[in-house]
Amino acid sequence: MADANLKAFDDAHPSRSVTIQQSPRWQPYSPKRRAAPLLVPWFKLSGRWLEQAGFHPRQHLKIEVQHERLVITPA
């Protein structure tokens, strides 16, 4: 569960920026396939700022998906 004590959180940088990358989705090998691989968006979040915000390694998370918005909270 996220820590309710956010006094240690660095308020000087309350937002972060990442770039969405693209990665080919795994598909079974077929020598007859001629189409380009299906590309899917992905990004990685990591850093001490996640810990400072109250998140911990191996913690289960709930991700709410909205149009152009993701809300990440402890599960």
PDB file of N, CA and C in Angstrom:
ATOM      1  N   MET A   1       0.843  -1.170   0.000  1.00  0.00           N
ATOM      2  CA  MET A   1       0.000   0.000   0.000  1.00  0.00           C
ATOM      3  C   MET A   1       0.890   1.235   0.000  1.00  0.00           C
ATOM      4  N   ALA A   2       0.477   2.275  -0.653  1.00  0.00           N
ATOM      5  CA  ALA A   2       1.270   3.502  -0.729  1.00  0.00           C
ATOM      6  C   ALA A   2       1.367   4.142   0.643  1.00  0.00           C
ATOM      7  N   ASP A   3       2.508   4.726   0.927  1.00  0.00           N
ATOM      8  CA  ASP A   3       2.761   5.394   2.191  1.00  0.00           C
ATOM      9  C   ASP A   3       2.024   6.724   2.215  1.00  0.00           C
ATOM     10  N   ALA A   4       1.253   6.970   3.273  1.00  0.00           N
ATOM     11  CA  ALA A   4       0.487   8.214   3.371  1.00  0.00           C
ATOM     12  C   ALA A   4       1.373   9.404   3.712  1.00  0.00           C
ATOM     13  N   ASN A   5       2.582   9.165   4.216  1.00  0.00           N
ATOM     14  CA  ASN A   5       3.476  10.254   4.583  1.00  0.00           C
ATOM     15  C   ASN A   5       4.268  10.684   3.355  1.00  0.00           C
ATOM     16  N   LEU A   6       3.836  11.774   2.737  1.00  0.00           N
ATOM     17  CA  LEU A   6       4.506  12.239   1.529  1.00  0.00           C
ATOM     18  C   LEU A   6       5.422  13.425   1.794  1.00  0.00           C
ATOM     19  N   LYS A   7       5.757  13.687   3.071  1.00  0.00           N
ATOM     20  CA  LYS A   7       6.633  14.812   3.387  1.00  0.00           C
ATOM     21  C   LYS A   7       7.996  14.659   2.725  1.00  0.00           C
ATOM     22  N   ALA A   8       8.456  13.418   2.537  1.00  0.00           N
ATOM     23  CA  ALA A   8       9.766  13.192   1.921  1.00  0.00           C
ATOM     24  C   ALA A   8       9.712  13.350   0.405  1.00  0.00           C
ATOM     25  N   PHE A   9       8.512  13.465  -0.145  1.00  0.00           N
ATOM     26  CA  PHE A   9       8.367  13.576  -1.595  1.00  0.00           C
ATOM     27  C   PHE A   9       8.907  14.911  -2.074  1.00  0.00           C
ATOM     28  N   ASP A  10       9.622  14.873  -3.167  1.00  0.00           N
ATOM     29  CA  ASP A  10      10.244  16.065  -3.734  1.00  0.00           C
ATOM     30  C   ASP A  10       9.206  16.870  -4.511  1.00  0.00           C
ATOM     31  N   ASP A  11       8.597  17.869  -3.853  1.00  0.00           N
ATOM     32  CA  ASP A  11       7.578  18.688  -4.501  1.00  0.00           C
ATOM     33  C   ASP A  11       8.159  19.622  -5.544  1.00  0.00           C
ATOM     34  N   ALA A  12       9.471  19.758  -5.589  1.00  0.00           N
ATOM     35  CA  ALA A  12      10.088  20.644  -6.571  1.00  0.00           C
ATOM     36  C   ALA A  12       9.905  20.103  -7.992  1.00  0.00           C
ATOM     37  N   HIS A  13       9.676  18.799  -8.120  1.00  0.00           N
ATOM     38  CA  HIS A  13       9.484  18.170  -9.430  1.00  0.00           C
ATOM     39  C   HIS A  13       8.265  17.248  -9.364  1.00  0.00           C
ATOM     40  N   PRO A  14       7.041  17.799  -9.274  1.00  0.00           N
ATOM     41  CA  PRO A  14       5.862  16.955  -9.092  1.00  0.00           C
ATOM     42  C   PRO A  14       5.436  16.177 -10.336  1.00  0.00           C
ATOM     43  N   SER A  15       5.981  16.498 -11.503  1.00  0.00           N
ATOM     44  CA  SER A  15       5.618  15.745 -12.702  1.00  0.00           C
ATOM     45  C   SER A  15       6.878  15.223 -13.379  1.00  0.00           C
ATOM     46  N   ARG A  16       6.717  14.172 -14.132  1.00  0.00           N
ATOM     47  CA  ARG A  16       7.822  13.553 -14.852  1.00  0.00           C
ATOM     48  C   ARG A  16       7.421  13.415 -16.315  1.00  0.00           C
ATOM     49  N   SER A  17       8.405  13.317 -17.188  1.00  0.00           N
ATOM     50  CA  SER A  17       8.146  13.133 -18.614  1.00  0.00           C
ATOM     51  C   SER A  17       8.820  11.862 -19.099  1.00  0.00           C
ATOM     52  N   VAL A  18       8.115  11.115 -19.916  1.00  0.00           N
ATOM     53  CA  VAL A  18       8.679   9.944 -20.577  1.00  0.00           C
ATOM     54  C   VAL A  18       8.266   9.996 -22.042  1.00  0.00           C
ATOM     55  N   THR A  19       8.968   9.260 -22.871  1.00  0.00           N
ATOM     56  CA  THR A  19       8.626   9.168 -24.283  1.00  0.00           C
ATOM     57  C   THR A  19       8.094   7.772 -24.558  1.00  0.00           C
ATOM     58  N   ILE A  20       6.969   7.695 -25.219  1.00  0.00           N
ATOM     59  CA  ILE A  20       6.411   6.394 -25.571  1.00  0.00           C
ATOM     60  C   ILE A  20       7.222   5.827 -26.727  1.00  0.00           C
ATOM     61  N   GLN A  21       7.717   4.618 -26.520  1.00  0.00           N
ATOM     62  CA  GLN A  21       8.507   3.907 -27.520  1.00  0.00           C
ATOM     63  C   GLN A  21       7.587   2.966 -28.296  1.00  0.00           C
ATOM     64  N   GLN A  22       8.132   2.297 -29.275  1.00  0.00           N
ATOM     65  CA  GLN A  22       7.379   1.260 -29.969  1.00  0.00           C
ATOM     66  C   GLN A  22       8.171  -0.032 -29.936  1.00  0.00           C
ATOM     67  N   SER A  23       7.437  -1.116 -29.855  1.00  0.00           N
ATOM     68  CA  SER A  23       8.064  -2.429 -29.774  1.00  0.00           C
ATOM     69  C   SER A  23       7.238  -3.401 -30.609  1.00  0.00           C
ATOM     70  N   PRO A  24       7.887  -4.316 -31.329  1.00  0.00           N
ATOM     71  CA  PRO A  24       7.102  -5.290 -32.089  1.00  0.00           C
ATOM     72  C   PRO A  24       6.418  -6.280 -31.151  1.00  0.00           C
ATOM     73  N   ARG A  25       5.165  -6.524 -31.395  1.00  0.00           N
ATOM     74  CA  ARG A  25       4.427  -7.508 -30.604  1.00  0.00           C
ATOM     75  C   ARG A  25       4.879  -8.894 -31.044  1.00  0.00           C
ATOM     76  N   TRP A  26       5.043  -9.794 -30.080  1.00  0.00           N
ATOM     77  CA  TRP A  26       5.477 -11.146 -30.404  1.00  0.00           C
ATOM     78  C   TRP A  26       4.419 -11.830 -31.253  1.00  0.00           C
ATOM     79  N   GLN A  27       4.872 -12.488 -32.303  1.00  0.00           N
ATOM     80  CA  GLN A  27       3.996 -13.287 -33.157  1.00  0.00           C
ATOM     81  C   GLN A  27       4.733 -14.574 -33.496  1.00  0.00           C
ATOM     82  N   PRO A  28       4.006 -15.664 -33.624  1.00  0.00           N
ATOM     83  CA  PRO A  28       4.673 -16.915 -33.993  1.00  0.00           C
ATOM     84  C   PRO A  28       5.408 -16.757 -35.324  1.00  0.00           C
ATOM     85  N   TYR A  29       6.532 -17.416 -35.439  1.00  0.00           N
ATOM     86  CA  TYR A  29       7.321 -17.327 -36.671  1.00  0.00           C
ATOM     87  C   TYR A  29       6.577 -17.990 -37.826  1.00  0.00           C
ATOM     88  N   SER A  30       6.571 -17.322 -38.951  1.00  0.00           N
ATOM     89  CA  SER A  30       5.997 -17.889 -40.164  1.00  0.00           C
ATOM     90  C   SER A  30       6.856 -17.438 -41.337  1.00  0.00           C
ATOM     91  N   PRO A  31       7.467 -18.368 -42.067  1.00  0.00           N
ATOM     92  CA  PRO A  31       8.308 -17.966 -43.202  1.00  0.00           C
ATOM     93  C   PRO A  31       7.498 -17.318 -44.326  1.00  0.00           C
ATOM     94  N   LYS A  32       6.178 -17.477 -44.328  1.00  0.00           N
ATOM     95  CA  LYS A  32       5.332 -16.904 -45.376  1.00  0.00           C
ATOM     96  C   LYS A  32       4.829 -15.498 -45.029  1.00  0.00           C
ATOM     97  N   ARG A  33       5.074 -15.039 -43.830  1.00  0.00           N
ATOM     98  CA  ARG A  33       4.574 -13.724 -43.418  1.00  0.00           C
ATOM     99  C   ARG A  33       5.296 -12.630 -44.201  1.00  0.00           C
ATOM    100  N   ARG A  34       4.537 -11.752 -44.810  1.00  0.00           N
ATOM    101  CA  ARG A  34       5.116 -10.652 -45.573  1.00  0.00           C
ATOM    102  C   ARG A  34       4.813  -9.302 -44.938  1.00  0.00           C
ATOM    103  N   ALA A  35       3.855  -9.268 -44.057  1.00  0.00           N
ATOM    104  CA  ALA A  35       3.467  -7.997 -43.443  1.00  0.00           C
ATOM    105  C   ALA A  35       4.504  -7.569 -42.409  1.00  0.00           C
ATOM    106  N   ALA A  36       4.591  -6.289 -42.213  1.00  0.00           N
ATOM    107  CA  ALA A  36       5.487  -5.752 -41.181  1.00  0.00           C
ATOM    108  C   ALA A  36       4.969  -6.183 -39.808  1.00  0.00           C
ATOM    109  N   PRO A  37       5.850  -6.308 -38.840  1.00  0.00           N
ATOM    110  CA  PRO A  37       5.401  -6.712 -37.507  1.00  0.00           C
ATOM    111  C   PRO A  37       4.475  -5.658 -36.902  1.00  0.00           C
ATOM    112  N   LEU A  38       3.537  -6.124 -36.107  1.00  0.00           N
ATOM    113  CA  LEU A  38       2.625  -5.234 -35.411  1.00  0.00           C
ATOM    114  C   LEU A  38       3.399  -4.507 -34.312  1.00  0.00           C
ATOM    115  N   LEU A  39       3.380  -3.182 -34.320  1.00  0.00           N
ATOM    116  CA  LEU A  39       4.093  -2.397 -33.315  1.00  0.00           C
ATOM    117  C   LEU A  39       3.116  -1.915 -32.252  1.00  0.00           C
ATOM    118  N   VAL A  40       3.525  -2.018 -30.999  1.00  0.00           N
ATOM    119  CA  VAL A  40       2.688  -1.583 -29.881  1.00  0.00           C
ATOM    120  C   VAL A  40       3.448  -0.539 -29.065  1.00  0.00           C
ATOM    121  N   PRO A  41       2.735   0.407 -28.454  1.00  0.00           N
ATOM    122  CA  PRO A  41       3.404   1.409 -27.625  1.00  0.00           C
ATOM    123  C   PRO A  41       3.814   0.818 -26.275  1.00  0.00           C
ATOM    124  N   TRP A  42       4.929   1.317 -25.727  1.00  0.00           N
ATOM    125  CA  TRP A  42       5.358   0.916 -24.389  1.00  0.00           C
ATOM    126  C   TRP A  42       6.187   2.035 -23.774  1.00  0.00           C
ATOM    127  N   PHE A  43       6.238   2.048 -22.446  1.00  0.00           N
ATOM    128  CA  PHE A  43       7.131   2.947 -21.726  1.00  0.00           C
ATOM    129  C   PHE A  43       7.482   2.320 -20.389  1.00  0.00           C
ATOM    130  N   LYS A  44       8.554   2.803 -19.805  1.00  0.00           N
ATOM    131  CA  LYS A  44       9.058   2.267 -18.542  1.00  0.00           C
ATOM    132  C   LYS A  44       9.110   3.391 -17.525  1.00  0.00           C
ATOM    133  N   LEU A  45       8.631   3.121 -16.324  1.00  0.00           N
ATOM    134  CA  LEU A  45       8.740   4.066 -15.216  1.00  0.00           C
ATOM    135  C   LEU A  45       9.704   3.484 -14.202  1.00  0.00           C
ATOM    136  N   SER A  46      10.703   4.241 -13.816  1.00  0.00           N
ATOM    137  CA  SER A  46      11.626   3.786 -12.782  1.00  0.00           C
ATOM    138  C   SER A  46      12.289   4.996 -12.154  1.00  0.00           C
ATOM    139  N   GLY A  47      12.712   4.838 -10.940  1.00  0.00           N
ATOM    140  CA  GLY A  47      13.431   5.913 -10.274  1.00  0.00           C
ATOM    141  C   GLY A  47      13.087   6.010  -8.800  1.00  0.00           C
ATOM    142  N   ARG A  48      13.955   6.674  -8.077  1.00  0.00           N
ATOM    143  CA  ARG A  48      13.749   6.860  -6.635  1.00  0.00           C
ATOM    144  C   ARG A  48      12.491   7.668  -6.352  1.00  0.00           C
ATOM    145  N   TRP A  49      12.083   8.489  -7.308  1.00  0.00           N
ATOM    146  CA  TRP A  49      10.893   9.306  -7.104  1.00  0.00           C
ATOM    147  C   TRP A  49       9.649   8.446  -6.906  1.00  0.00           C
ATOM    148  N   LEU A  50       9.615   7.227  -7.483  1.00  0.00           N
ATOM    149  CA  LEU A  50       8.485   6.329  -7.244  1.00  0.00           C
ATOM    150  C   LEU A  50       8.455   5.883  -5.784  1.00  0.00           C
ATOM    151  N   GLU A  51       9.621   5.575  -5.250  1.00  0.00           N
ATOM    152  CA  GLU A  51       9.721   5.198  -3.842  1.00  0.00           C
ATOM    153  C   GLU A  51       9.341   6.374  -2.948  1.00  0.00           C
ATOM    154  N   GLN A  52       9.794   7.561  -3.302  1.00  0.00           N
ATOM    155  CA  GLN A  52       9.463   8.751  -2.519  1.00  0.00           C
ATOM    156  C   GLN A  52       7.963   9.048  -2.560  1.00  0.00           C
ATOM    157  N   ALA A  53       7.302   8.612  -3.624  1.00  0.00           N
ATOM    158  CA  ALA A  53       5.855   8.805  -3.742  1.00  0.00           C
ATOM    159  C   ALA A  53       5.074   7.711  -3.011  1.00  0.00           C
ATOM    160  N   GLY A  54       5.786   6.726  -2.422  1.00  0.00           N
ATOM    161  CA  GLY A  54       5.125   5.701  -1.627  1.00  0.00           C
ATOM    162  C   GLY A  54       4.978   4.352  -2.302  1.00  0.00           C
ATOM    163  N   PHE A  55       5.571   4.158  -3.475  1.00  0.00           N
ATOM    164  CA  PHE A  55       5.501   2.873  -4.162  1.00  0.00           C
ATOM    165  C   PHE A  55       6.747   2.054  -3.844  1.00  0.00           C
ATOM    166  N   HIS A  56       6.583   0.720  -3.854  1.00  0.00           N
ATOM    167  CA  HIS A  56       7.677  -0.167  -3.461  1.00  0.00           C
ATOM    168  C   HIS A  56       7.851  -1.288  -4.490  1.00  0.00           C
ATOM    169  N   PRO A  57       9.059  -1.873  -4.592  1.00  0.00           N
ATOM    170  CA  PRO A  57       9.273  -3.001  -5.503  1.00  0.00           C
ATOM    171  C   PRO A  57       8.310  -4.154  -5.195  1.00  0.00           C
ATOM    172  N   ARG A  58       7.850  -4.818  -6.216  1.00  0.00           N
ATOM    173  CA  ARG A  58       6.941  -5.972  -6.150  1.00  0.00           C
ATOM    174  C   ARG A  58       5.547  -5.613  -5.648  1.00  0.00           C
ATOM    175  N   GLN A  59       5.257  -4.335  -5.520  1.00  0.00           N
ATOM    176  CA  GLN A  59       3.929  -3.911  -5.082  1.00  0.00           C
ATOM    177  C   GLN A  59       2.941  -4.075  -6.241  1.00  0.00           C
ATOM    178  N   HIS A  60       1.758  -4.566  -5.951  1.00  0.00           N
ATOM    179  CA  HIS A  60       0.725  -4.698  -6.976  1.00  0.00           C
ATOM    180  C   HIS A  60       0.060  -3.342  -7.180  1.00  0.00           C
ATOM    181  N   LEU A  61      -0.176  -3.007  -8.437  1.00  0.00           N
ATOM    182  CA  LEU A  61      -0.752  -1.715  -8.779  1.00  0.00           C
ATOM    183  C   LEU A  61      -2.041  -1.890  -9.557  1.00  0.00           C
ATOM    184  N   LYS A  62      -2.899  -0.880  -9.451  1.00  0.00           N
ATOM    185  CA  LYS A  62      -4.108  -0.799 -10.268  1.00  0.00           C
ATOM    186  C   LYS A  62      -3.897   0.351 -11.239  1.00  0.00           C
ATOM    187  N   ILE A  63      -4.140   0.114 -12.513  1.00  0.00           N
ATOM    188  CA  ILE A  63      -3.979   1.149 -13.525  1.00  0.00           C
ATOM    189  C   ILE A  63      -5.337   1.404 -14.159  1.00  0.00           C
ATOM    190  N   GLU A  64      -5.866   2.597 -13.926  1.00  0.00           N
ATOM    191  CA  GLU A  64      -7.129   2.998 -14.538  1.00  0.00           C
ATOM    192  C   GLU A  64      -6.808   3.663 -15.870  1.00  0.00           C
ATOM    193  N   VAL A  65      -7.464   3.210 -16.915  1.00  0.00           N
ATOM    194  CA  VAL A  65      -7.201   3.717 -18.258  1.00  0.00           C
ATOM    195  C   VAL A  65      -8.345   4.629 -18.682  1.00  0.00           C
ATOM    196  N   GLN A  66      -7.993   5.853 -19.017  1.00  0.00           N
ATOM    197  CA  GLN A  66      -8.935   6.839 -19.530  1.00  0.00           C
ATOM    198  C   GLN A  66      -8.343   7.384 -20.822  1.00  0.00           C
ATOM    199  N   HIS A  67      -9.113   8.158 -21.550  1.00  0.00           N
ATOM    200  CA  HIS A  67      -8.607   8.725 -22.799  1.00  0.00           C
ATOM    201  C   HIS A  67      -7.417   9.630 -22.499  1.00  0.00           C
ATOM    202  N   GLU A  68      -6.245   9.279 -23.029  1.00  0.00           N
ATOM    203  CA  GLU A  68      -4.993  10.020 -22.858  1.00  0.00           C
ATOM    204  C   GLU A  68      -4.600  10.238 -21.397  1.00  0.00           C
ATOM    205  N   ARG A  69      -4.981   9.306 -20.521  1.00  0.00           N
ATOM    206  CA  ARG A  69      -4.632   9.430 -19.107  1.00  0.00           C
ATOM    207  C   ARG A  69      -4.570   8.049 -18.463  1.00  0.00           C
ATOM    208  N   LEU A  70      -3.521   7.828 -17.669  1.00  0.00           N
ATOM    209  CA  LEU A  70      -3.392   6.626 -16.852  1.00  0.00           C
ATOM    210  C   LEU A  70      -3.309   7.071 -15.399  1.00  0.00           C
ATOM    211  N   VAL A  71      -4.078   6.419 -14.528  1.00  0.00           N
ATOM    212  CA  VAL A  71      -4.033   6.712 -13.101  1.00  0.00           C
ATOM    213  C   VAL A  71      -3.521   5.459 -12.408  1.00  0.00           C
ATOM    214  N   ILE A  72      -2.370   5.571 -11.734  1.00  0.00           N
ATOM    215  CA  ILE A  72      -1.713   4.426 -11.105  1.00  0.00           C
ATOM    216  C   ILE A  72      -1.849   4.549  -9.596  1.00  0.00           C
ATOM    217  N   THR A  73      -2.469   3.538  -8.971  1.00  0.00           N
ATOM    218  CA  THR A  73      -2.663   3.518  -7.524  1.00  0.00           C
ATOM    219  C   THR A  73      -2.352   2.118  -7.004  1.00  0.00           C
ATOM    220  N   PRO A  74      -2.081   1.984  -5.696  1.00  0.00           N
ATOM    221  CA  PRO A  74      -1.868   0.649  -5.134  1.00  0.00           C
ATOM    222  C   PRO A  74      -3.122  -0.203  -5.308  1.00  0.00           C
ATOM    223  N   ALA A  75      -2.926  -1.490  -5.559  1.00  0.00           N
ATOM    224  CA  ALA A  75      -4.068  -2.400  -5.754  1.00  0.00           C
ATOM    225  C   ALA A  75      -4.646  -2.802  -4.412  1.00  0.00           C
TER     226      ALA A  75
END
